Amino acid sequence: MNQIAPQNASSRQGKSSAVVKNPKSRRTPEEINWDTRLGFLMHDVSRLRRTVFDEFMKPLGVTRSQWWVLAYLSRHDGMIQSDLADMLELGKAALGGLIDRLESSDFIQRRADATDRRVKRIYLTEKGVQIIKQMRNSNQDMSERILNGLNEAERQNLFELLALVKKNLVTIKSV
């Protein structure tokens, strides 16, 4: 704590009881570097959410990276492996390792394309579909706990604001 609490009256005899305040608390809003504060807040929220997510998924035996691949496949089943790597912004080797682990866990399977046998398509297995359902339930529980204390209007506002921030970041990135 950056404050020294005043001493009680019996211990003050003959001594000054000055309170030393944190110099940052005297800064005006104009003096605060909002970019830094926003960056730290967004980083901390993201880091904490990842940590909590890992804890929620641990009982299912699925990592965050595996969840990412499975969740994408649940919306785009049968994707070509190289297209999936591009969509997830992963290197082909990195995705290949993830696909290998998911395949060995029987969550997905690779099949040759019907028209080009050199091309591999990735499909969820029945076990993969079931783990997706469990993961969605765990994710929903986690999200509810994260948003605890926010009413529906506040939640909607938060989603809209974050979507706008994301849109702005994508625009900046593509310039």
N, C-alpha and C. Protein backbone atom coordinates (compact mmCIF):
# COMPACT_ATOMS: atom_id res chain seq x y z
N MET A 1 0.85 -1.16 0.00
CA MET A 1 0.00 0.00 0.00
C MET A 1 0.89 1.22 0.00
N ASN A 2 0.55 2.24 -0.73
CA ASN A 2 1.36 3.44 -0.86
C ASN A 2 0.90 4.55 0.07
N GLN A 3 0.29 4.23 1.18
CA GLN A 3 -0.16 5.23 2.13
C GLN A 3 0.31 4.81 3.51
N ILE A 4 0.70 5.79 4.29
CA ILE A 4 1.04 5.52 5.68
C ILE A 4 -0.15 5.95 6.50
N ALA A 5 -0.71 5.04 7.25
CA ALA A 5 -1.90 5.35 8.04
C ALA A 5 -1.51 6.24 9.20
N PRO A 6 -2.40 7.18 9.59
CA PRO A 6 -2.10 8.03 10.74
C PRO A 6 -2.02 7.18 12.00
N GLN A 7 -1.14 7.60 12.87
CA GLN A 7 -0.99 6.89 14.13
C GLN A 7 -2.13 7.28 15.05
N ASN A 8 -2.39 6.44 16.05
CA ASN A 8 -3.45 6.80 16.99
C ASN A 8 -2.97 7.91 17.92
N ALA A 9 -3.89 8.56 18.60
CA ALA A 9 -3.59 9.76 19.39
C ALA A 9 -2.56 9.49 20.47
N SER A 10 -2.57 8.35 21.11
CA SER A 10 -1.65 8.08 22.21
C SER A 10 -0.21 7.94 21.72
N SER A 11 0.00 7.56 20.50
CA SER A 11 1.36 7.39 20.01
C SER A 11 1.85 8.60 19.23
N ARG A 12 1.04 9.65 19.12
CA ARG A 12 1.41 10.83 18.34
C ARG A 12 2.12 11.90 19.16
N GLN A 13 2.20 11.77 20.42
CA GLN A 13 2.70 12.85 21.25
C GLN A 13 4.04 13.35 20.76
N GLY A 14 4.04 14.63 20.35
CA GLY A 14 5.26 15.26 19.91
C GLY A 14 5.72 14.85 18.52
N LYS A 15 4.94 14.07 17.79
CA LYS A 15 5.36 13.61 16.47
C LYS A 15 4.37 14.09 15.43
N SER A 16 4.86 14.29 14.24
CA SER A 16 3.99 14.67 13.13
C SER A 16 3.25 13.43 12.65
N SER A 17 2.00 13.62 12.25
CA SER A 17 1.22 12.48 11.76
C SER A 17 0.86 12.68 10.29
N ALA A 18 1.84 13.08 9.51
CA ALA A 18 1.59 13.33 8.09
C ALA A 18 1.22 12.04 7.37
N VAL A 19 0.30 12.17 6.44
CA VAL A 19 -0.10 11.04 5.61
C VAL A 19 0.58 11.20 4.27
N VAL A 20 1.31 10.20 3.85
CA VAL A 20 1.98 10.23 2.57
C VAL A 20 1.07 9.52 1.57
N LYS A 21 0.66 10.25 0.54
CA LYS A 21 -0.23 9.67 -0.46
C LYS A 21 0.55 9.25 -1.69
N ASN A 22 -0.02 8.34 -2.40
CA ASN A 22 0.55 7.88 -3.66
C ASN A 22 0.52 9.05 -4.64
N PRO A 23 1.67 9.46 -5.19
CA PRO A 23 1.68 10.59 -6.12
C PRO A 23 0.81 10.36 -7.35
N LYS A 24 0.61 9.12 -7.74
CA LYS A 24 -0.23 8.84 -8.91
C LYS A 24 -1.69 9.19 -8.64
N SER A 25 -2.10 9.18 -7.37
CA SER A 25 -3.50 9.46 -7.07
C SER A 25 -3.83 10.93 -7.30
N ARG A 26 -2.84 11.79 -7.42
CA ARG A 26 -3.08 13.21 -7.67
C ARG A 26 -3.11 13.55 -9.15
N ARG A 27 -2.91 12.58 -10.01
CA ARG A 27 -2.88 12.83 -11.45
C ARG A 27 -4.29 13.10 -11.95
N THR A 28 -4.36 14.03 -12.86
CA THR A 28 -5.66 14.32 -13.47
C THR A 28 -5.92 13.31 -14.57
N PRO A 29 -7.18 13.16 -14.97
CA PRO A 29 -7.48 12.22 -16.06
C PRO A 29 -6.68 12.51 -17.33
N GLU A 30 -6.39 13.78 -17.58
CA GLU A 30 -5.62 14.13 -18.78
C GLU A 30 -4.19 13.62 -18.71
N GLU A 31 -3.69 13.44 -17.49
CA GLU A 31 -2.31 13.00 -17.32
C GLU A 31 -2.16 11.48 -17.40
N ILE A 32 -3.24 10.78 -17.30
CA ILE A 32 -3.18 9.32 -17.32
C ILE A 32 -2.99 8.84 -18.74
N ASN A 33 -2.09 7.93 -18.93
CA ASN A 33 -1.85 7.38 -20.26
C ASN A 33 -2.87 6.28 -20.51
N TRP A 34 -3.96 6.63 -21.16
CA TRP A 34 -5.06 5.69 -21.36
C TRP A 34 -4.65 4.51 -22.23
N ASP A 35 -3.76 4.73 -23.19
CA ASP A 35 -3.32 3.62 -24.02
C ASP A 35 -2.66 2.54 -23.18
N THR A 36 -1.82 2.94 -22.27
CA THR A 36 -1.13 1.99 -21.41
C THR A 36 -2.13 1.29 -20.50
N ARG A 37 -3.01 2.05 -19.89
CA ARG A 37 -4.00 1.46 -18.99
C ARG A 37 -4.89 0.48 -19.75
N LEU A 38 -5.37 0.87 -20.92
CA LEU A 38 -6.22 -0.01 -21.71
C LEU A 38 -5.45 -1.27 -22.10
N GLY A 39 -4.22 -1.09 -22.54
CA GLY A 39 -3.41 -2.24 -22.93
C GLY A 39 -3.19 -3.21 -21.78
N PHE A 40 -2.85 -2.68 -20.60
CA PHE A 40 -2.64 -3.55 -19.45
C PHE A 40 -3.93 -4.25 -19.05
N LEU A 41 -5.03 -3.53 -19.04
CA LEU A 41 -6.31 -4.13 -18.67
C LEU A 41 -6.70 -5.24 -19.65
N MET A 42 -6.59 -4.96 -20.94
CA MET A 42 -6.95 -5.97 -21.94
C MET A 42 -6.03 -7.18 -21.84
N HIS A 43 -4.75 -6.94 -21.62
CA HIS A 43 -3.80 -8.04 -21.49
C HIS A 43 -4.12 -8.88 -20.25
N ASP A 44 -4.36 -8.22 -19.12
CA ASP A 44 -4.65 -8.95 -17.89
C ASP A 44 -5.94 -9.75 -18.00
N VAL A 45 -6.98 -9.15 -18.57
CA VAL A 45 -8.25 -9.86 -18.73
C VAL A 45 -8.04 -11.07 -19.64
N SER A 46 -7.33 -10.89 -20.73
CA SER A 46 -7.08 -11.99 -21.66
C SER A 46 -6.27 -13.10 -21.00
N ARG A 47 -5.23 -12.73 -20.29
CA ARG A 47 -4.36 -13.71 -19.61
C ARG A 47 -5.15 -14.48 -18.55
N LEU A 48 -5.91 -13.75 -17.74
CA LEU A 48 -6.70 -14.41 -16.69
C LEU A 48 -7.77 -15.32 -17.28
N ARG A 49 -8.39 -14.88 -18.36
CA ARG A 49 -9.42 -15.70 -19.00
C ARG A 49 -8.80 -16.99 -19.55
N ARG A 50 -7.61 -16.89 -20.15
CA ARG A 50 -6.94 -18.09 -20.66
C ARG A 50 -6.64 -19.06 -19.52
N THR A 51 -6.15 -18.53 -18.41
CA THR A 51 -5.82 -19.37 -17.26
C THR A 51 -7.06 -20.07 -16.71
N VAL A 52 -8.14 -19.31 -16.55
CA VAL A 52 -9.39 -19.88 -16.06
C VAL A 52 -9.93 -20.90 -17.06
N PHE A 53 -9.87 -20.58 -18.34
CA PHE A 53 -10.33 -21.49 -19.39
C PHE A 53 -9.60 -22.83 -19.28
N ASP A 54 -8.28 -22.77 -19.13
CA ASP A 54 -7.49 -24.00 -19.02
C ASP A 54 -7.96 -24.85 -17.84
N GLU A 55 -8.26 -24.20 -16.72
CA GLU A 55 -8.74 -24.92 -15.54
C GLU A 55 -10.10 -25.57 -15.79
N PHE A 56 -10.98 -24.86 -16.50
CA PHE A 56 -12.31 -25.41 -16.80
C PHE A 56 -12.22 -26.59 -17.77
N MET A 57 -11.26 -26.56 -18.68
CA MET A 57 -11.15 -27.62 -19.69
C MET A 57 -10.29 -28.79 -19.23
N LYS A 58 -9.50 -28.59 -18.19
CA LYS A 58 -8.60 -29.65 -17.72
C LYS A 58 -9.32 -30.98 -17.47
N PRO A 59 -10.50 -30.98 -16.82
CA PRO A 59 -11.18 -32.27 -16.60
C PRO A 59 -11.56 -32.99 -17.89
N LEU A 60 -11.69 -32.25 -18.98
CA LEU A 60 -12.05 -32.86 -20.26
C LEU A 60 -10.82 -33.38 -21.02
N GLY A 61 -9.63 -33.01 -20.54
CA GLY A 61 -8.41 -33.46 -21.19
C GLY A 61 -8.14 -32.78 -22.52
N VAL A 62 -8.60 -31.53 -22.66
CA VAL A 62 -8.45 -30.80 -23.92
C VAL A 62 -7.72 -29.48 -23.63
N THR A 63 -6.74 -29.17 -24.46
CA THR A 63 -6.03 -27.90 -24.30
C THR A 63 -6.77 -26.79 -25.03
N ARG A 64 -6.39 -25.55 -24.74
CA ARG A 64 -6.99 -24.39 -25.39
C ARG A 64 -6.78 -24.45 -26.90
N SER A 65 -5.60 -24.85 -27.35
CA SER A 65 -5.32 -24.95 -28.79
C SER A 65 -6.18 -26.02 -29.45
N GLN A 66 -6.35 -27.14 -28.77
CA GLN A 66 -7.20 -28.20 -29.31
C GLN A 66 -8.66 -27.74 -29.37
N TRP A 67 -9.10 -27.04 -28.34
CA TRP A 67 -10.47 -26.50 -28.32
C TRP A 67 -10.68 -25.57 -29.51
N TRP A 68 -9.69 -24.76 -29.80
CA TRP A 68 -9.77 -23.79 -30.88
C TRP A 68 -10.00 -24.51 -32.21
N VAL A 69 -9.22 -25.58 -32.44
CA VAL A 69 -9.36 -26.35 -33.68
C VAL A 69 -10.72 -27.05 -33.72
N LEU A 70 -11.09 -27.71 -32.63
CA LEU A 70 -12.37 -28.42 -32.58
C LEU A 70 -13.55 -27.48 -32.76
N ALA A 71 -13.49 -26.33 -32.10
CA ALA A 71 -14.60 -25.36 -32.22
C ALA A 71 -14.73 -24.87 -33.65
N TYR A 72 -13.62 -24.61 -34.31
CA TYR A 72 -13.68 -24.16 -35.70
C TYR A 72 -14.24 -25.25 -36.60
N LEU A 73 -13.79 -26.48 -36.38
CA LEU A 73 -14.30 -27.60 -37.18
C LEU A 73 -15.78 -27.84 -36.93
N SER A 74 -16.26 -27.53 -35.73
CA SER A 74 -17.69 -27.73 -35.45
C SER A 74 -18.55 -26.81 -36.31
N ARG A 75 -17.97 -25.72 -36.78
CA ARG A 75 -18.69 -24.79 -37.66
C ARG A 75 -18.33 -24.99 -39.13
N HIS A 76 -17.19 -25.65 -39.39
CA HIS A 76 -16.70 -25.83 -40.77
C HIS A 76 -16.13 -27.23 -40.94
N ASP A 77 -16.91 -28.24 -40.61
CA ASP A 77 -16.44 -29.62 -40.69
C ASP A 77 -16.05 -29.98 -42.12
N GLY A 78 -14.96 -30.72 -42.25
CA GLY A 78 -14.52 -31.17 -43.57
C GLY A 78 -13.60 -30.19 -44.26
N MET A 79 -13.00 -29.28 -43.50
CA MET A 79 -12.08 -28.31 -44.11
C MET A 79 -10.80 -28.99 -44.58
N ILE A 80 -10.20 -28.39 -45.57
CA ILE A 80 -8.87 -28.82 -46.02
C ILE A 80 -7.87 -28.35 -44.97
N GLN A 81 -6.93 -29.21 -44.62
CA GLN A 81 -5.99 -28.92 -43.54
C GLN A 81 -5.25 -27.60 -43.76
N SER A 82 -4.79 -27.34 -44.97
CA SER A 82 -4.04 -26.10 -45.22
C SER A 82 -4.96 -24.87 -45.08
N ASP A 83 -6.23 -24.99 -45.48
CA ASP A 83 -7.18 -23.88 -45.30
C ASP A 83 -7.45 -23.63 -43.82
N LEU A 84 -7.55 -24.71 -43.05
CA LEU A 84 -7.76 -24.58 -41.61
C LEU A 84 -6.58 -23.86 -40.97
N ALA A 85 -5.36 -24.18 -41.39
CA ALA A 85 -4.17 -23.50 -40.87
C ALA A 85 -4.25 -22.01 -41.16
N ASP A 86 -4.65 -21.66 -42.38
CA ASP A 86 -4.77 -20.24 -42.75
C ASP A 86 -5.83 -19.54 -41.92
N MET A 87 -6.99 -20.17 -41.75
CA MET A 87 -8.09 -19.56 -41.00
C MET A 87 -7.74 -19.34 -39.54
N LEU A 88 -6.99 -20.26 -38.97
CA LEU A 88 -6.60 -20.16 -37.56
C LEU A 88 -5.30 -19.39 -37.37
N GLU A 89 -4.71 -18.95 -38.49
CA GLU A 89 -3.44 -18.22 -38.47
C GLU A 89 -2.36 -19.02 -37.75
N LEU A 90 -2.31 -20.30 -38.10
CA LEU A 90 -1.30 -21.21 -37.56
C LEU A 90 -0.41 -21.69 -38.68
N GLY A 91 0.82 -21.98 -38.35
CA GLY A 91 1.70 -22.60 -39.34
C GLY A 91 1.21 -24.01 -39.62
N LYS A 92 1.51 -24.49 -40.80
CA LYS A 92 1.05 -25.84 -41.18
C LYS A 92 1.65 -26.91 -40.26
N ALA A 93 2.90 -26.72 -39.85
CA ALA A 93 3.53 -27.69 -38.95
C ALA A 93 2.86 -27.67 -37.58
N ALA A 94 2.59 -26.47 -37.07
CA ALA A 94 1.93 -26.36 -35.76
C ALA A 94 0.55 -27.00 -35.79
N LEU A 95 -0.21 -26.72 -36.84
CA LEU A 95 -1.53 -27.33 -36.96
C LEU A 95 -1.40 -28.84 -37.14
N GLY A 96 -0.40 -29.27 -37.89
CA GLY A 96 -0.20 -30.71 -38.09
C GLY A 96 -0.03 -31.45 -36.78
N GLY A 97 0.73 -30.86 -35.85
CA GLY A 97 0.91 -31.47 -34.53
C GLY A 97 -0.39 -31.54 -33.75
N LEU A 98 -1.15 -30.45 -33.81
CA LEU A 98 -2.46 -30.44 -33.14
C LEU A 98 -3.39 -31.49 -33.73
N ILE A 99 -3.41 -31.56 -35.05
CA ILE A 99 -4.27 -32.53 -35.74
C ILE A 99 -3.85 -33.95 -35.37
N ASP A 100 -2.53 -34.20 -35.30
CA ASP A 100 -2.04 -35.53 -34.90
C ASP A 100 -2.57 -35.91 -33.52
N ARG A 101 -2.48 -34.98 -32.56
CA ARG A 101 -2.93 -35.27 -31.19
C ARG A 101 -4.44 -35.47 -31.14
N LEU A 102 -5.18 -34.63 -31.88
CA LEU A 102 -6.64 -34.77 -31.90
C LEU A 102 -7.06 -36.08 -32.57
N GLU A 103 -6.32 -36.47 -33.59
CA GLU A 103 -6.62 -37.72 -34.28
C GLU A 103 -6.31 -38.92 -33.38
N SER A 104 -5.19 -38.85 -32.65
CA SER A 104 -4.84 -39.97 -31.75
C SER A 104 -5.83 -40.07 -30.58
N SER A 105 -6.50 -38.97 -30.24
CA SER A 105 -7.54 -38.99 -29.21
C SER A 105 -8.90 -39.37 -29.78
N ASP A 106 -8.96 -39.60 -31.08
CA ASP A 106 -10.18 -39.98 -31.80
C ASP A 106 -11.24 -38.87 -31.79
N PHE A 107 -10.78 -37.60 -31.75
CA PHE A 107 -11.72 -36.48 -31.84
C PHE A 107 -11.96 -36.06 -33.29
N ILE A 108 -10.96 -36.32 -34.13
CA ILE A 108 -11.08 -35.95 -35.55
C ILE A 108 -10.51 -37.09 -36.39
N GLN A 109 -10.77 -37.01 -37.68
CA GLN A 109 -10.13 -37.93 -38.61
C GLN A 109 -9.82 -37.19 -39.90
N ARG A 110 -8.70 -37.58 -40.50
CA ARG A 110 -8.30 -37.03 -41.79
C ARG A 110 -8.78 -37.99 -42.87
N ARG A 111 -9.35 -37.40 -43.90
CA ARG A 111 -9.77 -38.22 -45.04
C ARG A 111 -9.30 -37.55 -46.31
N ALA A 112 -8.98 -38.38 -47.28
CA ALA A 112 -8.58 -37.84 -48.59
C ALA A 112 -9.79 -37.18 -49.24
N ASP A 113 -9.53 -36.09 -49.95
CA ASP A 113 -10.57 -35.38 -50.69
C ASP A 113 -11.10 -36.30 -51.80
N ALA A 114 -12.40 -36.20 -52.07
CA ALA A 114 -13.03 -37.06 -53.08
C ALA A 114 -12.48 -36.82 -54.48
N THR A 115 -12.07 -35.59 -54.78
CA THR A 115 -11.60 -35.26 -56.13
C THR A 115 -10.08 -35.17 -56.25
N ASP A 116 -9.39 -34.96 -55.13
CA ASP A 116 -7.93 -34.84 -55.16
C ASP A 116 -7.36 -35.60 -53.97
N ARG A 117 -6.88 -36.79 -54.19
CA ARG A 117 -6.43 -37.66 -53.10
C ARG A 117 -5.23 -37.09 -52.34
N ARG A 118 -4.54 -36.10 -52.91
CA ARG A 118 -3.40 -35.48 -52.21
C ARG A 118 -3.88 -34.56 -51.09
N VAL A 119 -5.11 -34.08 -51.21
CA VAL A 119 -5.67 -33.12 -50.26
C VAL A 119 -6.33 -33.88 -49.11
N LYS A 120 -6.03 -33.44 -47.88
CA LYS A 120 -6.63 -34.06 -46.70
C LYS A 120 -7.70 -33.12 -46.13
N ARG A 121 -8.86 -33.68 -45.87
CA ARG A 121 -9.93 -32.94 -45.21
C ARG A 121 -10.04 -33.44 -43.77
N ILE A 122 -10.41 -32.52 -42.89
CA ILE A 122 -10.49 -32.84 -41.46
C ILE A 122 -11.96 -32.88 -41.05
N TYR A 123 -12.35 -33.98 -40.41
CA TYR A 123 -13.73 -34.17 -39.97
C TYR A 123 -13.77 -34.51 -38.48
N LEU A 124 -14.78 -34.00 -37.80
CA LEU A 124 -15.02 -34.40 -36.42
C LEU A 124 -15.56 -35.82 -36.40
N THR A 125 -15.12 -36.59 -35.41
CA THR A 125 -15.70 -37.92 -35.18
C THR A 125 -16.88 -37.75 -34.23
N GLU A 126 -17.60 -38.82 -33.97
CA GLU A 126 -18.70 -38.75 -32.99
C GLU A 126 -18.16 -38.37 -31.62
N LYS A 127 -16.99 -38.91 -31.27
CA LYS A 127 -16.36 -38.55 -29.99
C LYS A 127 -16.02 -37.05 -29.98
N GLY A 128 -15.58 -36.53 -31.13
CA GLY A 128 -15.28 -35.10 -31.24
C GLY A 128 -16.52 -34.25 -31.06
N VAL A 129 -17.64 -34.68 -31.65
CA VAL A 129 -18.91 -33.96 -31.50
C VAL A 129 -19.33 -33.94 -30.03
N GLN A 130 -19.14 -35.06 -29.34
CA GLN A 130 -19.52 -35.15 -27.92
C GLN A 130 -18.63 -34.25 -27.05
N ILE A 131 -17.32 -34.23 -27.33
CA ILE A 131 -16.43 -33.39 -26.52
C ILE A 131 -16.74 -31.92 -26.76
N ILE A 132 -17.14 -31.57 -27.98
CA ILE A 132 -17.54 -30.18 -28.27
C ILE A 132 -18.72 -29.79 -27.39
N LYS A 133 -19.70 -30.67 -27.26
CA LYS A 133 -20.87 -30.38 -26.41
C LYS A 133 -20.45 -30.16 -24.96
N GLN A 134 -19.57 -31.02 -24.46
CA GLN A 134 -19.09 -30.86 -23.09
C GLN A 134 -18.29 -29.57 -22.92
N MET A 135 -17.48 -29.26 -23.92
CA MET A 135 -16.67 -28.05 -23.86
C MET A 135 -17.55 -26.81 -23.89
N ARG A 136 -18.59 -26.82 -24.71
CA ARG A 136 -19.51 -25.68 -24.76
C ARG A 136 -20.20 -25.49 -23.42
N ASN A 137 -20.60 -26.58 -22.77
CA ASN A 137 -21.23 -26.47 -21.45
C ASN A 137 -20.25 -25.88 -20.44
N SER A 138 -19.01 -26.37 -20.44
CA SER A 138 -18.00 -25.83 -19.53
C SER A 138 -17.71 -24.36 -19.83
N ASN A 139 -17.64 -24.03 -21.11
CA ASN A 139 -17.38 -22.65 -21.52
C ASN A 139 -18.53 -21.74 -21.09
N GLN A 140 -19.77 -22.22 -21.22
CA GLN A 140 -20.93 -21.43 -20.81
C GLN A 140 -20.90 -21.18 -19.30
N ASP A 141 -20.57 -22.22 -18.54
CA ASP A 141 -20.46 -22.07 -17.08
C ASP A 141 -19.38 -21.06 -16.73
N MET A 142 -18.24 -21.17 -17.39
CA MET A 142 -17.14 -20.23 -17.14
C MET A 142 -17.56 -18.81 -17.49
N SER A 143 -18.20 -18.62 -18.63
CA SER A 143 -18.62 -17.28 -19.05
C SER A 143 -19.61 -16.67 -18.07
N GLU A 144 -20.53 -17.49 -17.58
CA GLU A 144 -21.49 -16.99 -16.59
C GLU A 144 -20.78 -16.52 -15.33
N ARG A 145 -19.78 -17.26 -14.92
CA ARG A 145 -19.04 -16.88 -13.72
C ARG A 145 -18.20 -15.63 -13.96
N ILE A 146 -17.63 -15.52 -15.16
CA ILE A 146 -16.85 -14.33 -15.50
C ILE A 146 -17.73 -13.09 -15.50
N LEU A 147 -18.93 -13.22 -16.02
CA LEU A 147 -19.84 -12.07 -16.16
C LEU A 147 -20.74 -11.87 -14.95
N ASN A 148 -20.49 -12.61 -13.88
CA ASN A 148 -21.26 -12.48 -12.65
C ASN A 148 -21.30 -11.02 -12.20
N GLY A 149 -22.48 -10.54 -11.89
CA GLY A 149 -22.62 -9.15 -11.44
C GLY A 149 -23.01 -8.19 -12.54
N LEU A 150 -22.98 -8.64 -13.79
CA LEU A 150 -23.41 -7.80 -14.91
C LEU A 150 -24.82 -8.22 -15.32
N ASN A 151 -25.71 -7.23 -15.45
CA ASN A 151 -27.06 -7.56 -15.91
C ASN A 151 -27.04 -7.74 -17.43
N GLU A 152 -28.18 -8.12 -18.00
CA GLU A 152 -28.24 -8.40 -19.44
C GLU A 152 -27.85 -7.20 -20.29
N ALA A 153 -28.33 -6.02 -19.91
CA ALA A 153 -28.00 -4.81 -20.68
C ALA A 153 -26.50 -4.53 -20.62
N GLU A 154 -25.89 -4.70 -19.46
CA GLU A 154 -24.45 -4.48 -19.32
C GLU A 154 -23.66 -5.52 -20.12
N ARG A 155 -24.13 -6.75 -20.12
CA ARG A 155 -23.47 -7.80 -20.90
C ARG A 155 -23.54 -7.47 -22.38
N GLN A 156 -24.71 -7.08 -22.85
CA GLN A 156 -24.88 -6.73 -24.26
C GLN A 156 -23.98 -5.56 -24.63
N ASN A 157 -23.94 -4.56 -23.76
CA ASN A 157 -23.09 -3.39 -23.99
C ASN A 157 -21.62 -3.79 -24.04
N LEU A 158 -21.20 -4.66 -23.13
CA LEU A 158 -19.82 -5.15 -23.12
C LEU A 158 -19.49 -5.85 -24.43
N PHE A 159 -20.37 -6.73 -24.90
CA PHE A 159 -20.13 -7.45 -26.15
C PHE A 159 -20.04 -6.48 -27.33
N GLU A 160 -20.93 -5.50 -27.36
CA GLU A 160 -20.92 -4.53 -28.46
C GLU A 160 -19.64 -3.70 -28.45
N LEU A 161 -19.22 -3.27 -27.26
CA LEU A 161 -18.00 -2.48 -27.16
C LEU A 161 -16.77 -3.29 -27.55
N LEU A 162 -16.70 -4.53 -27.07
CA LEU A 162 -15.56 -5.38 -27.44
C LEU A 162 -15.56 -5.69 -28.94
N ALA A 163 -16.73 -5.88 -29.53
CA ALA A 163 -16.81 -6.12 -30.98
C ALA A 163 -16.30 -4.90 -31.74
N LEU A 164 -16.64 -3.71 -31.27
CA LEU A 164 -16.17 -2.49 -31.92
C LEU A 164 -14.65 -2.35 -31.78
N VAL A 165 -14.12 -2.63 -30.59
CA VAL A 165 -12.67 -2.58 -30.39
C VAL A 165 -11.98 -3.59 -31.31
N LYS A 166 -12.53 -4.79 -31.41
CA LYS A 166 -11.96 -5.81 -32.30
C LYS A 166 -11.99 -5.33 -33.75
N LYS A 167 -13.11 -4.77 -34.17
CA LYS A 167 -13.23 -4.27 -35.54
C LYS A 167 -12.17 -3.20 -35.81
N ASN A 168 -11.99 -2.29 -34.86
CA ASN A 168 -10.98 -1.25 -35.01
C ASN A 168 -9.57 -1.84 -35.10
N LEU A 169 -9.29 -2.84 -34.27
CA LEU A 169 -7.98 -3.48 -34.31
C LEU A 169 -7.74 -4.19 -35.64
N VAL A 170 -8.76 -4.87 -36.16
CA VAL A 170 -8.63 -5.54 -37.46
C VAL A 170 -8.37 -4.51 -38.55
N THR A 171 -9.07 -3.38 -38.48
CA THR A 171 -8.87 -2.31 -39.47
C THR A 171 -7.44 -1.78 -39.41
N ILE A 172 -6.95 -1.55 -38.20
CA ILE A 172 -5.58 -1.05 -38.03
C ILE A 172 -4.58 -2.09 -38.56
N LYS A 173 -4.82 -3.36 -38.25
CA LYS A 173 -3.91 -4.43 -38.67
C LYS A 173 -3.83 -4.54 -40.19
N SER A 174 -4.94 -4.30 -40.87
CA SER A 174 -4.98 -4.50 -42.32
C SER A 174 -4.46 -3.29 -43.10
N VAL A 175 -4.11 -2.22 -42.41
CA VAL A 175 -3.60 -1.02 -43.10
C VAL A 175 -2.16 -1.20 -43.48
